[in-house]
Protein backbone atom coordinates (compact mmCIF):
# COMPACT_ATOMS: atom_id res chain seq x y z
CA MET A 1 0.10 -0.06 0.00
CA GLU A 2 1.22 3.52 -0.65
CA PRO A 3 1.48 5.68 2.12
CA LEU A 4 -0.36 9.17 1.98
CA LEU A 5 1.59 12.72 2.54
CA GLY A 6 -0.24 15.06 5.32
CA ALA A 7 -0.77 18.37 4.48
CA GLN A 8 -2.55 21.14 5.97
CA ALA A 9 -6.13 21.75 4.23
CA SER A 10 -7.66 25.10 3.56
CA ASN A 11 -10.04 24.75 6.14
CA GLY A 12 -6.78 23.72 8.71
CA GLN A 13 -7.49 20.04 8.87
CA VAL A 14 -5.15 17.63 8.20
CA ALA A 15 -5.48 16.01 4.56
CA PHE A 16 -3.79 13.32 2.75
CA THR A 17 -2.84 12.89 -0.90
CA ARG A 18 -0.86 10.58 -2.85
CA ARG A 19 0.14 13.58 -4.94
CA GLY A 20 4.53 13.78 -4.31
CA ASP A 21 4.83 16.39 -6.89
CA LEU A 22 6.03 19.19 -3.73
CA LEU A 23 7.09 22.50 -4.18
CA VAL A 24 9.02 25.74 -1.92
CA ASP A 25 6.71 28.79 -2.03
CA GLN A 26 8.89 32.04 -1.56
CA SER A 27 8.99 32.12 2.45
CA GLY A 28 10.66 28.49 2.35
CA LEU A 29 7.47 26.53 3.19
CA LEU A 30 6.99 23.15 1.46
CA GLU A 31 3.75 22.88 -0.20
CA THR A 32 1.73 20.27 -2.45
CA ALA A 33 0.73 21.28 -6.03
CA ASN A 34 -2.63 22.55 -4.91
CA GLY A 35 -1.07 24.90 -2.54
CA HIS A 36 -1.17 22.79 0.93
CA ILE A 37 1.40 23.11 3.48
CA VAL A 38 3.11 19.61 3.73
CA LEU A 39 3.13 18.74 7.28
CA GLY A 40 6.29 16.88 9.07
CA GLU A 41 6.47 14.19 11.27
CA GLY A 42 5.08 15.57 14.68
CA GLY A 43 2.85 18.12 13.06
CA GLY A 44 3.91 21.90 11.86
CA PRO A 45 5.03 22.96 8.35
CA ILE A 46 8.42 21.89 6.92
CA THR A 47 10.48 25.00 6.11
CA VAL A 48 13.78 25.10 3.78
CA PRO A 49 16.20 27.27 3.55
CA VAL A 50 15.67 30.20 0.97
CA GLY A 51 18.18 29.28 -2.27
CA VAL A 52 19.35 25.69 -1.73
CA ASP A 53 19.24 22.70 -3.43
CA LEU A 54 16.53 20.56 -1.82
CA ALA A 55 16.62 16.38 -2.00
CA ILE A 56 13.91 14.03 -0.70
CA THR A 57 16.00 10.67 0.14
CA ASN A 58 14.64 6.74 0.23
CA ASP A 59 13.54 7.42 2.97
CA GLY A 60 11.55 10.41 3.00
CA THR A 61 13.72 12.89 4.68
CA VAL A 62 13.97 16.34 3.40
CA THR A 63 17.78 17.76 3.26
CA ALA A 64 18.75 21.20 1.77
CA THR A 65 22.40 21.53 -0.12
CA ASP A 66 23.76 24.93 -0.44
CA PRO A 67 24.57 25.22 -4.44
CA VAL A 68 27.70 27.41 -3.39
CA GLN A 69 29.18 24.48 -1.20
CA PRO A 70 28.01 21.61 -2.97
CA ASP A 71 30.77 19.15 -1.08
CA ALA A 72 29.27 20.46 2.11
CA PRO A 73 27.15 17.56 3.87
CA PRO A 74 23.30 18.09 3.29
CA THR A 75 21.01 19.99 6.26
CA TYR A 76 18.42 18.00 7.45
CA CYS A 77 15.23 19.73 7.47
CA ARG A 78 12.31 17.63 8.35
CA LYS A 79 10.96 14.53 7.40
CA PRO A 80 6.90 14.35 6.00
CA PHE A 81 4.22 12.77 7.91
CA TYR A 82 3.30 9.59 5.63
CA CYS A 83 0.53 7.51 7.00
CA ASP A 84 -1.32 4.40 5.49
CA ALA A 85 -5.44 4.95 4.37
CA THR A 86 -6.58 4.59 8.23
CA GLY A 87 -3.97 7.23 9.40
CA ASN A 88 -1.13 4.96 11.08
CA PRO A 89 2.54 6.56 10.66
CA HIS A 90 3.80 5.03 7.88
CA GLY A 91 7.33 5.39 5.91
CA ALA A 92 8.09 6.55 2.27
CA SER A 93 7.76 4.76 -0.35
CA ASN A 94 10.80 4.21 -2.00
CA GLY A 95 11.76 7.93 -2.36
CA ARG A 96 9.17 8.45 -5.17
CA VAL A 97 8.87 12.20 -4.13
CA LEU A 98 9.11 14.72 -6.84
CA TYR A 99 10.14 18.30 -6.05
CA GLU A 100 9.98 21.47 -7.79
CA PRO A 101 10.29 24.75 -6.93
CA ILE A 102 7.45 27.24 -7.46
CA ALA A 103 9.59 29.48 -9.88
CA ALA A 104 10.37 26.57 -12.07
CA ARG A 105 6.36 26.23 -12.91
CA ARG A 106 5.33 29.77 -13.79
């Protein structure tokens, strides 16, 4: 079973999606393509430093690398909240999460 990604719906409730095309807004919040803020494990939004190269590892962990210092170790940002269809916490699935900066979509 594919895990679901937790995000904050427009009504403030937690919503879940299978979509993995994620964006970073101008303030550094990780969002779904529909503009819902991606939630980290334990709740709360995932923020990443502006201007970094973002990666999502096979286990779903979000990391950031400074493009000016590409050989420096990546900075841990946070792991998104994943669950199964019944709401039980779940790990990422084969690292199949896509990421694209919002600016690239405009």
